ModelCIF file with pLDDT and N, C-alpha, C, O atoms, coordinates in Angstrom:
data_MODEL
#
_entry.id   MODEL 
#
_entity.id                         1 
_entity.type                       polymer 
_entity.pdbx_number_of_molecules   1 
#
_entity_poly.entity_id                      1 
_entity_poly.type                           'polypeptide(L)' 
_entity_poly.nstd_linkage                   no 
_entity_poly.nstd_monomer                   no 
_entity_poly.pdbx_seq_one_letter_code       
;(UNK)(UNK)(UNK)(UNK)(UNK)(UNK)(UNK)(UNK)(UNK)(UNK)(UNK)(UNK)(UNK)(UNK)(UNK)(UNK)
(UNK)(UNK)(UNK)(UNK)(UNK)(UNK)(UNK)(UNK)(UNK)(UNK)(UNK)(UNK)(UNK)(UNK)(UNK)(UNK)
(UNK)(UNK)(UNK)(UNK)(UNK)(UNK)(UNK)(UNK)(UNK)(UNK)(UNK)(UNK)(UNK)
;
_entity_poly.pdbx_seq_one_letter_code_can   XXXXXXXXXXXXXXXXXXXXXXXXXXXXXXXXXXXXXXXXXXXXX 
_entity_poly.pdbx_strand_id                 A 
#
loop_
_entity_poly_seq.entity_id 
_entity_poly_seq.num 
_entity_poly_seq.mon_id 
_entity_poly_seq.hetero 
1 1  UNK n 
1 2  UNK n 
1 3  UNK n 
1 4  UNK n 
1 5  UNK n 
1 6  UNK n 
1 7  UNK n 
1 8  UNK n 
1 9  UNK n 
1 10 UNK n 
1 11 UNK n 
1 12 UNK n 
1 13 UNK n 
1 14 UNK n 
1 15 UNK n 
1 16 UNK n 
1 17 UNK n 
1 18 UNK n 
1 19 UNK n 
1 20 UNK n 
1 21 UNK n 
1 22 UNK n 
1 23 UNK n 
1 24 UNK n 
1 25 UNK n 
1 26 UNK n 
1 27 UNK n 
1 28 UNK n 
1 29 UNK n 
1 30 UNK n 
1 31 UNK n 
1 32 UNK n 
1 33 UNK n 
1 34 UNK n 
1 35 UNK n 
1 36 UNK n 
1 37 UNK n 
1 38 UNK n 
1 39 UNK n 
1 40 UNK n 
1 41 UNK n 
1 42 UNK n 
1 43 UNK n 
1 44 UNK n 
1 45 UNK n 
#
_struct_asym.id          A 
_struct_asym.entity_id   1 
#
loop_
_ma_qa_metric.id 
_ma_qa_metric.mode 
_ma_qa_metric.name 
_ma_qa_metric.software_group_id 
_ma_qa_metric.type 
1 global pLDDT . pLDDT 
2 local  pLDDT . pLDDT 
#
_ma_qa_metric_global.metric_id      1 
_ma_qa_metric_global.metric_value   97.22 
_ma_qa_metric_global.model_id       1 
_ma_qa_metric_global.ordinal_id     1 
#
loop_
_ma_qa_metric_local.label_asym_id 
_ma_qa_metric_local.label_comp_id 
_ma_qa_metric_local.label_seq_id 
_ma_qa_metric_local.metric_id 
_ma_qa_metric_local.metric_value 
_ma_qa_metric_local.model_id 
_ma_qa_metric_local.ordinal_id 
A UNK 1  2 98.00 1 1  
A UNK 2  2 98.00 1 2  
A UNK 3  2 98.00 1 3  
A UNK 4  2 98.00 1 4  
A UNK 5  2 98.00 1 5  
A UNK 6  2 98.00 1 6  
A UNK 7  2 98.00 1 7  
A UNK 8  2 98.00 1 8  
A UNK 9  2 98.00 1 9  
A UNK 10 2 98.00 1 10 
A UNK 11 2 98.00 1 11 
A UNK 12 2 98.00 1 12 
A UNK 13 2 98.00 1 13 
A UNK 14 2 98.00 1 14 
A UNK 15 2 98.00 1 15 
A UNK 16 2 98.00 1 16 
A UNK 17 2 98.00 1 17 
A UNK 18 2 98.00 1 18 
A UNK 19 2 98.00 1 19 
A UNK 20 2 98.00 1 20 
A UNK 21 2 98.00 1 21 
A UNK 22 2 97.00 1 22 
A UNK 23 2 96.00 1 23 
A UNK 24 2 97.00 1 24 
A UNK 25 2 97.00 1 25 
A UNK 26 2 97.00 1 26 
A UNK 27 2 95.00 1 27 
A UNK 28 2 90.00 1 28 
A UNK 29 2 92.00 1 29 
A UNK 30 2 93.00 1 30 
A UNK 31 2 94.00 1 31 
A UNK 32 2 96.00 1 32 
A UNK 33 2 97.00 1 33 
A UNK 34 2 98.00 1 34 
A UNK 35 2 98.00 1 35 
A UNK 36 2 98.00 1 36 
A UNK 37 2 98.00 1 37 
A UNK 38 2 98.00 1 38 
A UNK 39 2 98.00 1 39 
A UNK 40 2 98.00 1 40 
A UNK 41 2 98.00 1 41 
A UNK 42 2 98.00 1 42 
A UNK 43 2 98.00 1 43 
A UNK 44 2 98.00 1 44 
A UNK 45 2 98.00 1 45 
#
loop_
_atom_site.group_PDB 
_atom_site.id 
_atom_site.type_symbol 
_atom_site.label_atom_id 
_atom_site.label_alt_id 
_atom_site.label_comp_id 
_atom_site.label_asym_id 
_atom_site.label_entity_id 
_atom_site.label_seq_id 
_atom_site.pdbx_PDB_ins_code 
_atom_site.Cartn_x 
_atom_site.Cartn_y 
_atom_site.Cartn_z 
_atom_site.occupancy 
_atom_site.B_iso_or_equiv 
_atom_site.pdbx_formal_charge 
_atom_site.auth_seq_id 
_atom_site.auth_comp_id 
_atom_site.auth_asym_id 
_atom_site.auth_atom_id 
_atom_site.pdbx_PDB_model_num 
ATOM 1   N N  . UNK A 1 1  ? 0.957  -1.339 0.381  1.00 98.00 ? 1  UNK A N  1 
ATOM 2   C CA . UNK A 1 1  ? 0.074  -0.262 0.150  1.00 98.00 ? 1  UNK A CA 1 
ATOM 3   C C  . UNK A 1 1  ? 0.970  1.401  -0.095 1.00 98.00 ? 1  UNK A C  1 
ATOM 4   O O  . UNK A 1 1  ? 2.139  1.535  0.267  1.00 98.00 ? 1  UNK A O  1 
ATOM 5   N N  . UNK A 1 2  ? 0.371  2.251  -0.589 1.00 98.00 ? 2  UNK A N  1 
ATOM 6   C CA . UNK A 1 2  ? 1.055  3.437  -0.292 1.00 98.00 ? 2  UNK A CA 1 
ATOM 7   C C  . UNK A 1 2  ? -0.061 4.770  -0.168 1.00 98.00 ? 2  UNK A C  1 
ATOM 8   O O  . UNK A 1 2  ? -1.080 4.841  -0.856 1.00 98.00 ? 2  UNK A O  1 
ATOM 9   N N  . UNK A 1 3  ? 0.321  5.717  0.772  1.00 98.00 ? 3  UNK A N  1 
ATOM 10  C CA . UNK A 1 3  ? -0.434 7.029  0.849  1.00 98.00 ? 3  UNK A CA 1 
ATOM 11  C C  . UNK A 1 3  ? 0.572  8.263  0.557  1.00 98.00 ? 3  UNK A C  1 
ATOM 12  O O  . UNK A 1 3  ? 1.705  8.464  0.992  1.00 98.00 ? 3  UNK A O  1 
ATOM 13  N N  . UNK A 1 4  ? -0.146 8.939  -0.235 1.00 98.00 ? 4  UNK A N  1 
ATOM 14  C CA . UNK A 1 4  ? 0.669  10.229 0.008  1.00 98.00 ? 4  UNK A CA 1 
ATOM 15  C C  . UNK A 1 4  ? 0.303  11.296 1.546  1.00 98.00 ? 4  UNK A C  1 
ATOM 16  O O  . UNK A 1 4  ? -0.766 11.240 2.153  1.00 98.00 ? 4  UNK A O  1 
ATOM 17  N N  . UNK A 1 5  ? 1.400  12.149 1.899  1.00 98.00 ? 5  UNK A N  1 
ATOM 18  C CA . UNK A 1 5  ? 1.072  12.573 3.044  1.00 98.00 ? 5  UNK A CA 1 
ATOM 19  C C  . UNK A 1 5  ? 1.443  14.197 2.788  1.00 98.00 ? 5  UNK A C  1 
ATOM 20  O O  . UNK A 1 5  ? 2.122  14.575 1.833  1.00 98.00 ? 5  UNK A O  1 
ATOM 21  N N  . UNK A 1 6  ? 0.997  14.895 3.593  1.00 98.00 ? 6  UNK A N  1 
ATOM 22  C CA . UNK A 1 6  ? 1.424  16.095 3.658  1.00 98.00 ? 6  UNK A CA 1 
ATOM 23  C C  . UNK A 1 6  ? 2.083  16.781 4.767  1.00 98.00 ? 6  UNK A C  1 
ATOM 24  O O  . UNK A 1 6  ? 1.701  17.752 5.420  1.00 98.00 ? 6  UNK A O  1 
ATOM 25  N N  . UNK A 1 7  ? 3.416  15.909 4.867  1.00 98.00 ? 7  UNK A N  1 
ATOM 26  C CA . UNK A 1 7  ? 4.326  16.300 5.784  1.00 98.00 ? 7  UNK A CA 1 
ATOM 27  C C  . UNK A 1 7  ? 5.547  15.617 5.244  1.00 98.00 ? 7  UNK A C  1 
ATOM 28  O O  . UNK A 1 7  ? 5.563  15.155 4.104  1.00 98.00 ? 7  UNK A O  1 
ATOM 29  N N  . UNK A 1 8  ? 6.826  15.537 6.265  1.00 98.00 ? 8  UNK A N  1 
ATOM 30  C CA . UNK A 1 8  ? 8.015  14.920 5.556  1.00 98.00 ? 8  UNK A CA 1 
ATOM 31  C C  . UNK A 1 8  ? 8.466  13.792 6.245  1.00 98.00 ? 8  UNK A C  1 
ATOM 32  O O  . UNK A 1 8  ? 8.062  13.450 7.356  1.00 98.00 ? 8  UNK A O  1 
ATOM 33  N N  . UNK A 1 9  ? 9.557  13.050 5.374  1.00 98.00 ? 9  UNK A N  1 
ATOM 34  C CA . UNK A 1 9  ? 9.498  11.568 5.633  1.00 98.00 ? 9  UNK A CA 1 
ATOM 35  C C  . UNK A 1 9  ? 10.289 11.510 7.299  1.00 98.00 ? 9  UNK A C  1 
ATOM 36  O O  . UNK A 1 9  ? 10.369 10.475 7.959  1.00 98.00 ? 9  UNK A O  1 
ATOM 37  N N  . UNK A 1 10 ? 10.816 12.866 7.744  1.00 98.00 ? 10 UNK A N  1 
ATOM 38  C CA . UNK A 1 10 ? 11.213 12.882 9.188  1.00 98.00 ? 10 UNK A CA 1 
ATOM 39  C C  . UNK A 1 10 ? 10.204 12.921 9.898  1.00 98.00 ? 10 UNK A C  1 
ATOM 40  O O  . UNK A 1 10 ? 10.277 12.253 10.930 1.00 98.00 ? 10 UNK A O  1 
ATOM 41  N N  . UNK A 1 11 ? 8.964  13.655 9.653  1.00 98.00 ? 11 UNK A N  1 
ATOM 42  C CA . UNK A 1 11 ? 7.801  13.348 10.678 1.00 98.00 ? 11 UNK A CA 1 
ATOM 43  C C  . UNK A 1 11 ? 7.346  12.301 10.311 1.00 98.00 ? 11 UNK A C  1 
ATOM 44  O O  . UNK A 1 11 ? 6.527  12.071 11.201 1.00 98.00 ? 11 UNK A O  1 
ATOM 45  N N  . UNK A 1 12 ? 7.276  11.217 9.392  1.00 98.00 ? 12 UNK A N  1 
ATOM 46  C CA . UNK A 1 12 ? 6.977  9.666  9.462  1.00 98.00 ? 12 UNK A CA 1 
ATOM 47  C C  . UNK A 1 12 ? 7.639  9.032  10.761 1.00 98.00 ? 12 UNK A C  1 
ATOM 48  O O  . UNK A 1 12 ? 7.099  8.612  11.784 1.00 98.00 ? 12 UNK A O  1 
ATOM 49  N N  . UNK A 1 13 ? 9.376  9.115  10.291 1.00 98.00 ? 13 UNK A N  1 
ATOM 50  C CA . UNK A 1 13 ? 10.190 8.561  10.913 1.00 98.00 ? 13 UNK A CA 1 
ATOM 51  C C  . UNK A 1 13 ? 9.512  9.021  12.755 1.00 98.00 ? 13 UNK A C  1 
ATOM 52  O O  . UNK A 1 13 ? 9.078  8.163  13.524 1.00 98.00 ? 13 UNK A O  1 
ATOM 53  N N  . UNK A 1 14 ? 9.571  10.113 12.998 1.00 98.00 ? 14 UNK A N  1 
ATOM 54  C CA . UNK A 1 14 ? 9.553  10.532 14.308 1.00 98.00 ? 14 UNK A CA 1 
ATOM 55  C C  . UNK A 1 14 ? 8.358  9.322  15.370 1.00 98.00 ? 14 UNK A C  1 
ATOM 56  O O  . UNK A 1 14 ? 8.486  8.841  16.495 1.00 98.00 ? 14 UNK A O  1 
ATOM 57  N N  . UNK A 1 15 ? 7.365  9.224  14.414 1.00 98.00 ? 15 UNK A N  1 
ATOM 58  C CA . UNK A 1 15 ? 6.182  8.544  15.109 1.00 98.00 ? 15 UNK A CA 1 
ATOM 59  C C  . UNK A 1 15 ? 6.745  7.017  14.903 1.00 98.00 ? 15 UNK A C  1 
ATOM 60  O O  . UNK A 1 15 ? 6.614  6.332  15.917 1.00 98.00 ? 15 UNK A O  1 
ATOM 61  N N  . UNK A 1 16 ? 7.241  6.472  13.982 1.00 98.00 ? 16 UNK A N  1 
ATOM 62  C CA . UNK A 1 16 ? 7.610  5.265  14.250 1.00 98.00 ? 16 UNK A CA 1 
ATOM 63  C C  . UNK A 1 16 ? 8.793  4.789  15.559 1.00 98.00 ? 16 UNK A C  1 
ATOM 64  O O  . UNK A 1 16 ? 8.886  3.815  16.305 1.00 98.00 ? 16 UNK A O  1 
ATOM 65  N N  . UNK A 1 17 ? 9.724  6.266  15.314 1.00 98.00 ? 17 UNK A N  1 
ATOM 66  C CA . UNK A 1 17 ? 10.439 5.905  16.605 1.00 98.00 ? 17 UNK A CA 1 
ATOM 67  C C  . UNK A 1 17 ? 10.131 5.929  17.842 1.00 98.00 ? 17 UNK A C  1 
ATOM 68  O O  . UNK A 1 17 ? 10.935 5.571  18.703 1.00 98.00 ? 17 UNK A O  1 
ATOM 69  N N  . UNK A 1 18 ? 8.798  6.397  18.146 1.00 98.00 ? 18 UNK A N  1 
ATOM 70  C CA . UNK A 1 18 ? 7.986  6.470  19.288 1.00 98.00 ? 18 UNK A CA 1 
ATOM 71  C C  . UNK A 1 18 ? 7.402  5.465  19.568 1.00 98.00 ? 18 UNK A C  1 
ATOM 72  O O  . UNK A 1 18 ? 6.212  5.527  19.258 1.00 98.00 ? 18 UNK A O  1 
ATOM 73  N N  . UNK A 1 19 ? 7.848  4.116  20.237 1.00 98.00 ? 19 UNK A N  1 
ATOM 74  C CA . UNK A 1 19 ? 7.620  2.867  20.007 1.00 98.00 ? 19 UNK A CA 1 
ATOM 75  C C  . UNK A 1 19 ? 6.112  2.934  20.930 1.00 98.00 ? 19 UNK A C  1 
ATOM 76  O O  . UNK A 1 19 ? 5.310  2.058  20.607 1.00 98.00 ? 19 UNK A O  1 
ATOM 77  N N  . UNK A 1 20 ? 5.750  3.704  21.824 1.00 98.00 ? 20 UNK A N  1 
ATOM 78  C CA . UNK A 1 20 ? 4.563  4.080  22.903 1.00 98.00 ? 20 UNK A CA 1 
ATOM 79  C C  . UNK A 1 20 ? 3.629  4.169  21.657 1.00 98.00 ? 20 UNK A C  1 
ATOM 80  O O  . UNK A 1 20 ? 2.607  3.515  21.865 1.00 98.00 ? 20 UNK A O  1 
ATOM 81  N N  . UNK A 1 21 ? 3.643  4.774  20.410 1.00 98.00 ? 21 UNK A N  1 
ATOM 82  C CA . UNK A 1 21 ? 2.393  5.168  19.676 1.00 98.00 ? 21 UNK A CA 1 
ATOM 83  C C  . UNK A 1 21 ? 2.077  3.969  18.511 1.00 98.00 ? 21 UNK A C  1 
ATOM 84  O O  . UNK A 1 21 ? 1.309  4.054  17.553 1.00 98.00 ? 21 UNK A O  1 
ATOM 85  N N  . UNK A 1 22 ? 2.966  2.777  18.938 1.00 97.00 ? 22 UNK A N  1 
ATOM 86  C CA . UNK A 1 22 ? 2.336  1.792  17.959 1.00 97.00 ? 22 UNK A CA 1 
ATOM 87  C C  . UNK A 1 22 ? 0.872  1.186  17.879 1.00 97.00 ? 22 UNK A C  1 
ATOM 88  O O  . UNK A 1 22 ? 0.484  0.894  16.748 1.00 97.00 ? 22 UNK A O  1 
ATOM 89  N N  . UNK A 1 23 ? 0.299  1.037  18.590 1.00 96.00 ? 23 UNK A N  1 
ATOM 90  C CA . UNK A 1 23 ? -1.200 0.678  18.802 1.00 96.00 ? 23 UNK A CA 1 
ATOM 91  C C  . UNK A 1 23 ? -1.921 2.042  18.264 1.00 96.00 ? 23 UNK A C  1 
ATOM 92  O O  . UNK A 1 23 ? -3.150 2.105  18.217 1.00 96.00 ? 23 UNK A O  1 
ATOM 93  N N  . UNK A 1 24 ? -1.222 2.956  17.924 1.00 97.00 ? 24 UNK A N  1 
ATOM 94  C CA . UNK A 1 24 ? -2.207 4.131  17.736 1.00 97.00 ? 24 UNK A CA 1 
ATOM 95  C C  . UNK A 1 24 ? -2.224 4.433  15.852 1.00 97.00 ? 24 UNK A C  1 
ATOM 96  O O  . UNK A 1 24 ? -3.024 5.109  15.205 1.00 97.00 ? 24 UNK A O  1 
ATOM 97  N N  . UNK A 1 25 ? -1.309 3.831  15.488 1.00 97.00 ? 25 UNK A N  1 
ATOM 98  C CA . UNK A 1 25 ? -1.316 3.497  14.069 1.00 97.00 ? 25 UNK A CA 1 
ATOM 99  C C  . UNK A 1 25 ? -1.373 2.382  13.315 1.00 97.00 ? 25 UNK A C  1 
ATOM 100 O O  . UNK A 1 25 ? -1.554 2.278  12.102 1.00 97.00 ? 25 UNK A O  1 
ATOM 101 N N  . UNK A 1 26 ? -1.159 1.354  14.341 1.00 97.00 ? 26 UNK A N  1 
ATOM 102 C CA . UNK A 1 26 ? -0.719 -0.358 13.660 1.00 97.00 ? 26 UNK A CA 1 
ATOM 103 C C  . UNK A 1 26 ? -2.201 -0.808 13.991 1.00 97.00 ? 26 UNK A C  1 
ATOM 104 O O  . UNK A 1 26 ? -2.491 -1.024 15.167 1.00 97.00 ? 26 UNK A O  1 
ATOM 105 N N  . UNK A 1 27 ? -3.344 -0.986 12.788 1.00 95.00 ? 27 UNK A N  1 
ATOM 106 C CA . UNK A 1 27 ? -4.271 -1.938 12.956 1.00 95.00 ? 27 UNK A CA 1 
ATOM 107 C C  . UNK A 1 27 ? -3.936 -3.533 13.708 1.00 95.00 ? 27 UNK A C  1 
ATOM 108 O O  . UNK A 1 27 ? -2.918 -4.222 13.636 1.00 95.00 ? 27 UNK A O  1 
ATOM 109 N N  . UNK A 1 28 ? -5.119 -3.755 14.371 1.00 90.00 ? 28 UNK A N  1 
ATOM 110 C CA . UNK A 1 28 ? -4.597 -4.776 15.339 1.00 90.00 ? 28 UNK A CA 1 
ATOM 111 C C  . UNK A 1 28 ? -4.042 -4.765 16.718 1.00 90.00 ? 28 UNK A C  1 
ATOM 112 O O  . UNK A 1 28 ? -4.225 -5.526 17.668 1.00 90.00 ? 28 UNK A O  1 
ATOM 113 N N  . UNK A 1 29 ? -3.266 -3.626 16.564 1.00 92.00 ? 29 UNK A N  1 
ATOM 114 C CA . UNK A 1 29 ? -2.425 -3.602 18.049 1.00 92.00 ? 29 UNK A CA 1 
ATOM 115 C C  . UNK A 1 29 ? -3.088 -2.764 18.905 1.00 92.00 ? 29 UNK A C  1 
ATOM 116 O O  . UNK A 1 29 ? -3.229 -1.549 18.769 1.00 92.00 ? 29 UNK A O  1 
ATOM 117 N N  . UNK A 1 30 ? -3.597 -3.645 20.030 1.00 93.00 ? 30 UNK A N  1 
ATOM 118 C CA . UNK A 1 30 ? -4.212 -2.968 20.947 1.00 93.00 ? 30 UNK A CA 1 
ATOM 119 C C  . UNK A 1 30 ? -3.894 -2.022 22.317 1.00 93.00 ? 30 UNK A C  1 
ATOM 120 O O  . UNK A 1 30 ? -4.631 -1.185 22.839 1.00 93.00 ? 30 UNK A O  1 
ATOM 121 N N  . UNK A 1 31 ? -2.582 -2.439 22.697 1.00 94.00 ? 31 UNK A N  1 
ATOM 122 C CA . UNK A 1 31 ? -2.152 -1.739 23.607 1.00 94.00 ? 31 UNK A CA 1 
ATOM 123 C C  . UNK A 1 31 ? -0.424 -2.029 23.868 1.00 94.00 ? 31 UNK A C  1 
ATOM 124 O O  . UNK A 1 31 ? -0.034 -3.105 23.414 1.00 94.00 ? 31 UNK A O  1 
ATOM 125 N N  . UNK A 1 32 ? 0.334  -1.401 24.367 1.00 96.00 ? 32 UNK A N  1 
ATOM 126 C CA . UNK A 1 32 ? 1.317  -1.263 24.823 1.00 96.00 ? 32 UNK A CA 1 
ATOM 127 C C  . UNK A 1 32 ? 1.688  -1.953 25.855 1.00 96.00 ? 32 UNK A C  1 
ATOM 128 O O  . UNK A 1 32 ? 0.818  -1.863 26.721 1.00 96.00 ? 32 UNK A O  1 
ATOM 129 N N  . UNK A 1 33 ? 2.851  -2.814 26.292 1.00 97.00 ? 33 UNK A N  1 
ATOM 130 C CA . UNK A 1 33 ? 3.257  -3.300 27.545 1.00 97.00 ? 33 UNK A CA 1 
ATOM 131 C C  . UNK A 1 33 ? 4.559  -2.581 27.933 1.00 97.00 ? 33 UNK A C  1 
ATOM 132 O O  . UNK A 1 33 ? 4.866  -2.057 29.004 1.00 97.00 ? 33 UNK A O  1 
ATOM 133 N N  . UNK A 1 34 ? 5.254  -2.695 26.767 1.00 98.00 ? 34 UNK A N  1 
ATOM 134 C CA . UNK A 1 34 ? 6.716  -2.171 27.330 1.00 98.00 ? 34 UNK A CA 1 
ATOM 135 C C  . UNK A 1 34 ? 7.345  -1.733 25.742 1.00 98.00 ? 34 UNK A C  1 
ATOM 136 O O  . UNK A 1 34 ? 6.903  -2.111 24.657 1.00 98.00 ? 34 UNK A O  1 
ATOM 137 N N  . UNK A 1 35 ? 8.074  -1.161 25.904 1.00 98.00 ? 35 UNK A N  1 
ATOM 138 C CA . UNK A 1 35 ? 8.890  -0.708 24.636 1.00 98.00 ? 35 UNK A CA 1 
ATOM 139 C C  . UNK A 1 35 ? 10.529 -0.664 25.152 1.00 98.00 ? 35 UNK A C  1 
ATOM 140 O O  . UNK A 1 35 ? 10.889 -0.078 26.173 1.00 98.00 ? 35 UNK A O  1 
ATOM 141 N N  . UNK A 1 36 ? 11.344 -1.328 24.326 1.00 98.00 ? 36 UNK A N  1 
ATOM 142 C CA . UNK A 1 36 ? 12.896 -1.403 24.811 1.00 98.00 ? 36 UNK A CA 1 
ATOM 143 C C  . UNK A 1 36 ? 13.391 -0.113 24.726 1.00 98.00 ? 36 UNK A C  1 
ATOM 144 O O  . UNK A 1 36 ? 12.975 0.830  24.053 1.00 98.00 ? 36 UNK A O  1 
ATOM 145 N N  . UNK A 1 37 ? 14.578 -0.201 25.692 1.00 98.00 ? 37 UNK A N  1 
ATOM 146 C CA . UNK A 1 37 ? 14.763 1.175  25.991 1.00 98.00 ? 37 UNK A CA 1 
ATOM 147 C C  . UNK A 1 37 ? 15.763 1.730  24.635 1.00 98.00 ? 37 UNK A C  1 
ATOM 148 O O  . UNK A 1 37 ? 15.905 2.939  24.451 1.00 98.00 ? 37 UNK A O  1 
ATOM 149 N N  . UNK A 1 38 ? 16.306 0.888  23.893 1.00 98.00 ? 38 UNK A N  1 
ATOM 150 C CA . UNK A 1 38 ? 17.000 0.769  22.851 1.00 98.00 ? 38 UNK A CA 1 
ATOM 151 C C  . UNK A 1 38 ? 16.120 1.080  21.330 1.00 98.00 ? 38 UNK A C  1 
ATOM 152 O O  . UNK A 1 38 ? 16.622 1.149  20.208 1.00 98.00 ? 38 UNK A O  1 
ATOM 153 N N  . UNK A 1 39 ? 15.016 1.197  21.613 1.00 98.00 ? 39 UNK A N  1 
ATOM 154 C CA . UNK A 1 39 ? 14.312 1.147  20.293 1.00 98.00 ? 39 UNK A CA 1 
ATOM 155 C C  . UNK A 1 39 ? 14.259 2.252  19.781 1.00 98.00 ? 39 UNK A C  1 
ATOM 156 O O  . UNK A 1 39 ? 13.766 3.084  20.542 1.00 98.00 ? 39 UNK A O  1 
ATOM 157 N N  . UNK A 1 40 ? 14.690 2.812  18.366 1.00 98.00 ? 40 UNK A N  1 
ATOM 158 C CA . UNK A 1 40 ? 14.029 1.948  17.302 1.00 98.00 ? 40 UNK A CA 1 
ATOM 159 C C  . UNK A 1 40 ? 15.401 0.860  16.908 1.00 98.00 ? 40 UNK A C  1 
ATOM 160 O O  . UNK A 1 40 ? 15.197 -0.017 16.069 1.00 98.00 ? 40 UNK A O  1 
ATOM 161 N N  . UNK A 1 41 ? 16.656 0.970  17.503 1.00 98.00 ? 41 UNK A N  1 
ATOM 162 C CA . UNK A 1 41 ? 17.879 -0.004 17.245 1.00 98.00 ? 41 UNK A CA 1 
ATOM 163 C C  . UNK A 1 41 ? 17.267 -1.404 16.726 1.00 98.00 ? 41 UNK A C  1 
ATOM 164 O O  . UNK A 1 41 ? 16.286 -2.026 17.132 1.00 98.00 ? 41 UNK A O  1 
ATOM 165 N N  . UNK A 1 42 ? 18.221 -1.700 15.648 1.00 98.00 ? 42 UNK A N  1 
ATOM 166 C CA . UNK A 1 42 ? 17.929 -3.106 15.185 1.00 98.00 ? 42 UNK A CA 1 
ATOM 167 C C  . UNK A 1 42 ? 18.149 -4.229 16.356 1.00 98.00 ? 42 UNK A C  1 
ATOM 168 O O  . UNK A 1 42 ? 19.174 -4.247 17.038 1.00 98.00 ? 42 UNK A O  1 
ATOM 169 N N  . UNK A 1 43 ? 17.040 -5.194 16.523 1.00 98.00 ? 43 UNK A N  1 
ATOM 170 C CA . UNK A 1 43 ? 17.188 -6.038 17.443 1.00 98.00 ? 43 UNK A CA 1 
ATOM 171 C C  . UNK A 1 43 ? 16.320 -5.536 18.996 1.00 98.00 ? 43 UNK A C  1 
ATOM 172 O O  . UNK A 1 43 ? 16.266 -6.186 20.040 1.00 98.00 ? 43 UNK A O  1 
ATOM 173 N N  . UNK A 1 44 ? 15.745 -4.273 18.724 1.00 98.00 ? 44 UNK A N  1 
ATOM 174 C CA . UNK A 1 44 ? 15.030 -4.207 19.938 1.00 98.00 ? 44 UNK A CA 1 
ATOM 175 C C  . UNK A 1 44 ? 13.526 -4.385 19.642 1.00 98.00 ? 44 UNK A C  1 
ATOM 176 O O  . UNK A 1 44 ? 13.093 -4.672 18.525 1.00 98.00 ? 44 UNK A O  1 
ATOM 177 N N  . UNK A 1 45 ? 12.782 -4.193 20.720 1.00 98.00 ? 45 UNK A N  1 
ATOM 178 C CA . UNK A 1 45 ? 11.832 -4.625 20.308 1.00 98.00 ? 45 UNK A CA 1 
ATOM 179 C C  . UNK A 1 45 ? 10.425 -3.937 21.449 1.00 98.00 ? 45 UNK A C  1 
ATOM 180 O O  . UNK A 1 45 ? 9.252  -4.245 21.238 1.00 98.00 ? 45 UNK A O  1 
#
């Protein structure tokens, strides 16, 4: 899927970098229990 947005790529990655926002944008995710302190480094969860 693709979507055109009225923001920068940096704005998108700021959202992705905030793990606590995950259930706000991912359909099916209902709540956060924890975010690794190293998120979003490779291997973090």
